[in-house]
Amino acid sequence: MSSQNGSLHGIESILAPLRASPSPLLIWHGPSGERVELSGRVFDNWVAKSANLLSEKYDAGPGTCVAFAAPAHWKTLALAFAAWQLGARVVISDAEGAADLGADLVVTDAPETVEADEILAVALGSLALNFGAELPPGALDYAAEVRSFGDVAFPESVAAGAGALTTALGTLTFGELVAPAGGDGGTAAFVADDHEADEPALGAALRAAVVQFGRGDALVLFGRGVEAREALLAQERAVRRI
């Protein structure tokens, strides 16, 4: 990693050590009761496929702004990491705000509510093979497209001072985003309902994921409306909530 004024490979410093790992990295609990476990290897594969989709379909790279009007979910985490792998800036918004950002692309689970020239529609069902509904003009079906893209992505070098993540709380540069974090290690639980008051939960979930993955630790992600019961936290071996 270089200085704040230099260049670096962004999120690659987080992903590379996890790429071959068969151990659980991201565990998703959804509102329908679904549980999805992604190892480091599987998560990296989704990131790579998503990065290749963003690159080939939208020419995403350094300087590209990708807005997310979508909840915290394992698919939106993979897409945000993919955008970072390409050196793009991730902006967390809502459907109304996304139209005013001037983003190059809007990622959303509700494309009918977004006004933008380029929309990537994400079906949140983990086994969904397509969005399952008619899409508005300019919208691409993520589930129907992503599996056809390559399993290896090549990270873009990006200025350490370039914007990486913008939320209601401000902007983190790539240098700040991937800087080593202190604090306790071990598997942590992120509960979306704990974070919606200050900002959309996705922004906080992304920051939590970067910290956890940077340590080589797993993140248990509870979606909106999902109760993180103590018994379930113990089952997942989560030592704290973040």
Protein backbone atom coordinates (compact mmCIF):
# COMPACT_ATOMS: atom_id res chain seq x y z
CA MET A 1 0.00 0.00 0.00
CA SER A 2 1.25 3.46 -0.78
CA SER A 3 0.82 6.84 0.79
CA GLN A 4 -2.35 8.89 0.63
CA ASN A 5 -0.86 10.84 -2.29
CA GLY A 6 0.25 7.76 -4.24
CA SER A 7 -1.58 4.93 -5.93
CA LEU A 8 -2.68 1.51 -4.76
CA HIS A 9 -4.74 -1.45 -5.88
CA GLY A 10 -7.65 -0.45 -3.68
CA ILE A 11 -9.72 -3.31 -2.39
CA GLU A 12 -7.34 -5.90 -3.86
CA SER A 13 -5.26 -5.66 -0.67
CA ILE A 14 -8.34 -6.97 1.17
CA LEU A 15 -9.45 -9.58 -1.37
CA ALA A 16 -6.14 -11.18 -2.35
CA PRO A 17 -5.44 -12.94 0.98
CA LEU A 18 -8.99 -14.36 0.99
CA ARG A 19 -9.11 -15.54 -2.61
CA ALA A 20 -8.32 -19.20 -2.02
CA SER A 21 -9.91 -19.51 1.42
CA PRO A 22 -12.59 -22.20 1.88
CA SER A 23 -13.54 -20.76 5.28
CA PRO A 24 -16.81 -18.83 5.77
CA LEU A 25 -16.35 -15.12 5.12
CA LEU A 26 -19.84 -13.68 4.64
CA ILE A 27 -22.97 -15.26 6.10
CA TRP A 28 -26.31 -13.79 5.10
CA HIS A 29 -29.60 -14.10 6.99
CA GLY A 30 -32.52 -12.83 4.94
CA PRO A 31 -36.11 -11.89 5.83
CA SER A 32 -37.54 -15.05 4.28
CA GLY A 33 -35.47 -17.19 6.63
CA GLU A 34 -32.77 -17.94 4.08
CA ARG A 35 -29.17 -18.44 5.14
CA VAL A 36 -26.38 -18.10 2.59
CA GLU A 37 -22.76 -18.83 3.46
CA LEU A 38 -19.99 -17.58 1.19
CA SER A 39 -16.39 -18.63 1.67
CA GLY A 40 -13.58 -16.26 0.78
CA ARG A 41 -13.19 -18.10 -2.52
CA VAL A 42 -16.90 -17.91 -3.39
CA PHE A 43 -17.24 -14.26 -2.40
CA ASP A 44 -14.20 -13.35 -4.49
CA ASN A 45 -15.73 -15.23 -7.44
CA TRP A 46 -18.91 -13.16 -7.19
CA VAL A 47 -16.82 -10.00 -6.94
CA ALA A 48 -14.82 -10.97 -10.03
CA LYS A 49 -17.89 -11.82 -12.11
CA SER A 50 -19.56 -8.59 -11.02
CA ALA A 51 -16.44 -6.54 -11.78
CA ASN A 52 -16.26 -7.99 -15.27
CA LEU A 53 -19.95 -7.19 -15.80
CA LEU A 54 -19.45 -3.60 -14.63
CA SER A 55 -16.38 -3.21 -16.82
CA GLU A 56 -17.76 -4.75 -19.99
CA LYS A 57 -21.32 -3.42 -19.81
CA TYR A 58 -20.65 0.03 -18.33
CA ASP A 59 -16.93 0.65 -18.89
CA ALA A 60 -16.58 1.17 -15.14
CA GLY A 61 -13.19 2.17 -13.81
CA PRO A 62 -11.41 4.96 -11.94
CA GLY A 63 -13.61 8.05 -12.03
CA THR A 64 -16.84 6.10 -12.49
CA CYS A 65 -19.59 6.81 -9.96
CA VAL A 66 -21.78 3.83 -9.05
CA ALA A 67 -24.80 4.74 -6.92
CA PHE A 68 -26.51 2.12 -4.77
CA ALA A 69 -30.19 2.56 -3.96
CA ALA A 70 -30.46 -0.88 -2.42
CA PRO A 71 -30.38 -2.56 1.00
CA ALA A 72 -27.50 -4.26 2.75
CA HIS A 73 -27.38 -7.74 1.18
CA TRP A 74 -24.67 -10.19 0.18
CA LYS A 75 -25.23 -9.33 -3.50
CA THR A 76 -24.91 -5.58 -2.96
CA LEU A 77 -21.73 -6.13 -0.94
CA ALA A 78 -20.27 -8.18 -3.81
CA LEU A 79 -21.22 -5.48 -6.32
CA ALA A 80 -19.73 -2.68 -4.24
CA PHE A 81 -16.47 -4.61 -3.80
CA ALA A 82 -16.52 -5.18 -7.58
CA ALA A 83 -16.87 -1.45 -8.21
CA TRP A 84 -13.93 -0.83 -5.86
CA GLN A 85 -11.87 -3.49 -7.60
CA LEU A 86 -12.23 -1.38 -10.75
CA GLY A 87 -11.34 1.84 -8.91
CA ALA A 88 -14.89 3.24 -9.09
CA ARG A 89 -16.53 5.33 -6.39
CA VAL A 90 -19.50 3.84 -4.54
CA VAL A 91 -22.23 6.24 -3.43
CA ILE A 92 -24.99 5.09 -1.07
CA SER A 93 -28.32 6.78 -1.72
CA ASP A 94 -32.02 6.12 -2.02
CA ALA A 95 -34.23 5.98 -5.09
CA GLU A 96 -35.00 9.71 -5.01
CA GLY A 97 -31.46 10.81 -4.31
CA ALA A 98 -29.93 8.55 -6.96
CA ALA A 99 -31.52 10.59 -9.74
CA ASP A 100 -29.79 13.76 -8.50
CA LEU A 101 -26.29 12.33 -8.12
CA GLY A 102 -25.31 12.31 -11.76
CA ALA A 103 -24.09 8.74 -11.28
CA ASP A 104 -22.87 6.74 -14.25
CA LEU A 105 -24.86 3.73 -13.02
CA VAL A 106 -27.51 3.07 -10.38
CA VAL A 107 -27.66 -0.35 -8.70
CA THR A 108 -31.09 -1.03 -7.22
CA ASP A 109 -33.55 -3.73 -6.20
CA ALA A 110 -36.46 -1.45 -7.23
CA PRO A 111 -35.70 -0.23 -10.78
CA GLU A 112 -39.22 1.07 -11.28
CA THR A 113 -38.55 3.75 -8.65
CA VAL A 114 -35.30 5.07 -10.15
CA GLU A 115 -34.88 7.61 -12.92
CA ALA A 116 -31.48 7.07 -14.53
CA ASP A 117 -30.02 6.30 -17.95
CA GLU A 118 -28.17 3.21 -16.70
CA ILE A 119 -29.74 0.90 -14.12
CA LEU A 120 -28.57 -2.48 -12.85
CA ALA A 121 -31.56 -4.31 -11.39
CA VAL A 122 -30.66 -6.74 -8.62
CA ALA A 123 -33.09 -9.49 -7.60
CA LEU A 124 -32.50 -10.12 -3.90
CA GLY A 125 -33.58 -13.76 -3.90
CA SER A 126 -30.37 -15.75 -3.53
CA LEU A 127 -31.45 -18.39 -6.06
CA ALA A 128 -33.09 -15.96 -8.50
CA LEU A 129 -32.03 -16.58 -12.11
CA ASN A 130 -33.59 -13.33 -13.30
CA PHE A 131 -35.28 -10.25 -11.89
CA GLY A 132 -38.70 -11.81 -12.33
CA ALA A 133 -40.50 -8.69 -13.51
CA GLU A 134 -40.49 -6.41 -16.52
CA LEU A 135 -37.65 -3.92 -16.36
CA PRO A 136 -37.82 -0.26 -17.38
CA PRO A 137 -35.85 1.00 -20.40
CA GLY A 138 -32.13 1.17 -19.74
CA ALA A 139 -32.20 -1.46 -16.98
CA LEU A 140 -30.04 -4.60 -17.07
CA ASP A 141 -30.94 -7.78 -15.20
CA TYR A 142 -28.01 -8.59 -12.87
CA ALA A 143 -29.10 -12.14 -12.00
CA ALA A 144 -29.65 -13.06 -15.64
CA GLU A 145 -26.29 -11.65 -16.77
CA VAL A 146 -23.67 -12.04 -14.06
CA ARG A 147 -23.03 -15.79 -14.26
CA SER A 148 -21.84 -15.52 -17.87
CA PHE A 149 -18.88 -13.29 -16.96
CA GLY A 150 -15.32 -14.38 -16.19
CA ASP A 151 -14.18 -15.70 -12.84
CA VAL A 152 -11.02 -13.60 -12.71
CA ALA A 153 -10.90 -9.80 -12.55
CA PHE A 154 -7.83 -7.62 -12.81
CA PRO A 155 -7.74 -4.79 -10.27
CA GLU A 156 -7.25 -1.24 -11.44
CA SER A 157 -4.63 0.96 -9.82
CA VAL A 158 -6.33 3.93 -8.21
CA ALA A 159 -5.14 7.09 -6.48
CA ALA A 160 -5.10 6.61 -2.72
CA GLY A 161 -6.78 10.00 -2.37
CA ALA A 162 -9.61 9.19 -4.78
CA GLY A 163 -13.11 8.87 -3.33
CA ALA A 164 -14.12 5.28 -2.60
CA LEU A 165 -17.29 5.40 -0.50
CA THR A 166 -19.73 8.27 -0.08
CA THR A 167 -22.62 8.08 2.40
CA ALA A 168 -24.66 10.55 4.41
CA LEU A 169 -21.73 10.63 6.85
CA GLY A 170 -19.18 11.79 4.28
CA THR A 171 -16.61 10.31 1.91
CA LEU A 172 -13.81 7.84 2.52
CA THR A 173 -10.87 7.75 0.13
CA PHE A 174 -9.41 4.46 -1.04
CA GLY A 175 -6.45 5.02 1.26
CA GLU A 176 -8.74 5.52 4.23
CA LEU A 177 -11.03 2.65 3.24
CA VAL A 178 -8.33 -0.02 3.20
CA ALA A 179 -6.19 1.31 6.06
CA PRO A 180 -5.66 -1.35 8.76
CA ALA A 181 -8.19 -1.04 11.56
CA GLY A 182 -7.66 -1.61 15.25
CA GLY A 183 -10.06 -3.16 17.70
CA ASP A 184 -11.09 -6.70 18.56
CA GLY A 185 -11.06 -9.51 16.03
CA GLY A 186 -13.33 -12.52 15.54
CA THR A 187 -16.61 -13.09 13.74
CA ALA A 188 -18.94 -10.09 14.02
CA ALA A 189 -22.66 -9.64 13.39
CA PHE A 190 -24.05 -6.70 11.45
CA VAL A 191 -27.78 -6.13 11.96
CA ALA A 192 -29.28 -3.85 9.32
CA ASP A 193 -32.07 -2.62 11.60
CA ASP A 194 -29.47 -1.25 14.03
CA HIS A 195 -28.12 1.16 11.42
CA GLU A 196 -31.00 2.66 9.42
CA ALA A 197 -31.42 5.75 11.63
CA ASP A 198 -28.29 7.62 10.52
CA GLU A 199 -27.81 6.34 6.96
CA PRO A 200 -28.88 3.50 4.67
CA ALA A 201 -27.52 0.33 6.24
CA LEU A 202 -25.53 -0.63 3.16
CA GLY A 203 -22.94 2.07 3.80
CA ALA A 204 -22.29 0.90 7.35
CA ALA A 205 -22.30 -2.74 6.22
CA LEU A 206 -19.63 -2.02 3.63
CA ARG A 207 -17.38 -0.32 6.16
CA ALA A 208 -17.89 -3.26 8.53
CA ALA A 209 -17.12 -5.77 5.79
CA VAL A 210 -13.88 -4.04 4.82
CA VAL A 211 -12.71 -4.06 8.46
CA GLN A 212 -13.70 -7.68 9.04
CA PHE A 213 -12.33 -9.01 5.77
CA GLY A 214 -9.15 -7.00 6.22
CA ARG A 215 -8.53 -8.96 9.42
CA GLY A 216 -9.46 -12.25 7.78
CA ASP A 217 -12.58 -12.43 9.96
CA ALA A 218 -16.12 -13.36 8.97
CA LEU A 219 -19.15 -11.08 8.91
CA VAL A 220 -22.67 -12.31 9.68
CA LEU A 221 -25.09 -9.99 7.88
CA PHE A 222 -28.68 -9.78 9.06
CA GLY A 223 -30.98 -8.17 6.52
CA ARG A 224 -33.66 -5.60 7.15
CA GLY A 225 -36.37 -6.93 9.45
CA VAL A 226 -34.35 -9.95 10.61
CA GLU A 227 -33.94 -10.38 14.35
CA ALA A 228 -30.46 -11.35 15.51
CA ARG A 229 -31.45 -13.66 18.36
CA GLU A 230 -28.79 -14.57 20.90
CA ALA A 231 -29.09 -18.26 20.07
CA LEU A 232 -28.50 -17.51 16.41
CA LEU A 233 -25.50 -15.30 17.19
CA ALA A 234 -24.05 -18.12 19.27
CA GLN A 235 -24.71 -20.61 16.47
CA GLU A 236 -22.81 -18.39 14.05
CA ARG A 237 -20.02 -17.88 16.63
CA ALA A 238 -20.39 -14.12 16.46
CA VAL A 239 -18.47 -12.56 19.32
CA ARG A 240 -19.90 -9.04 18.94
CA ARG A 241 -22.35 -6.84 17.05
CA ILE A 242 -21.07 -3.95 14.97
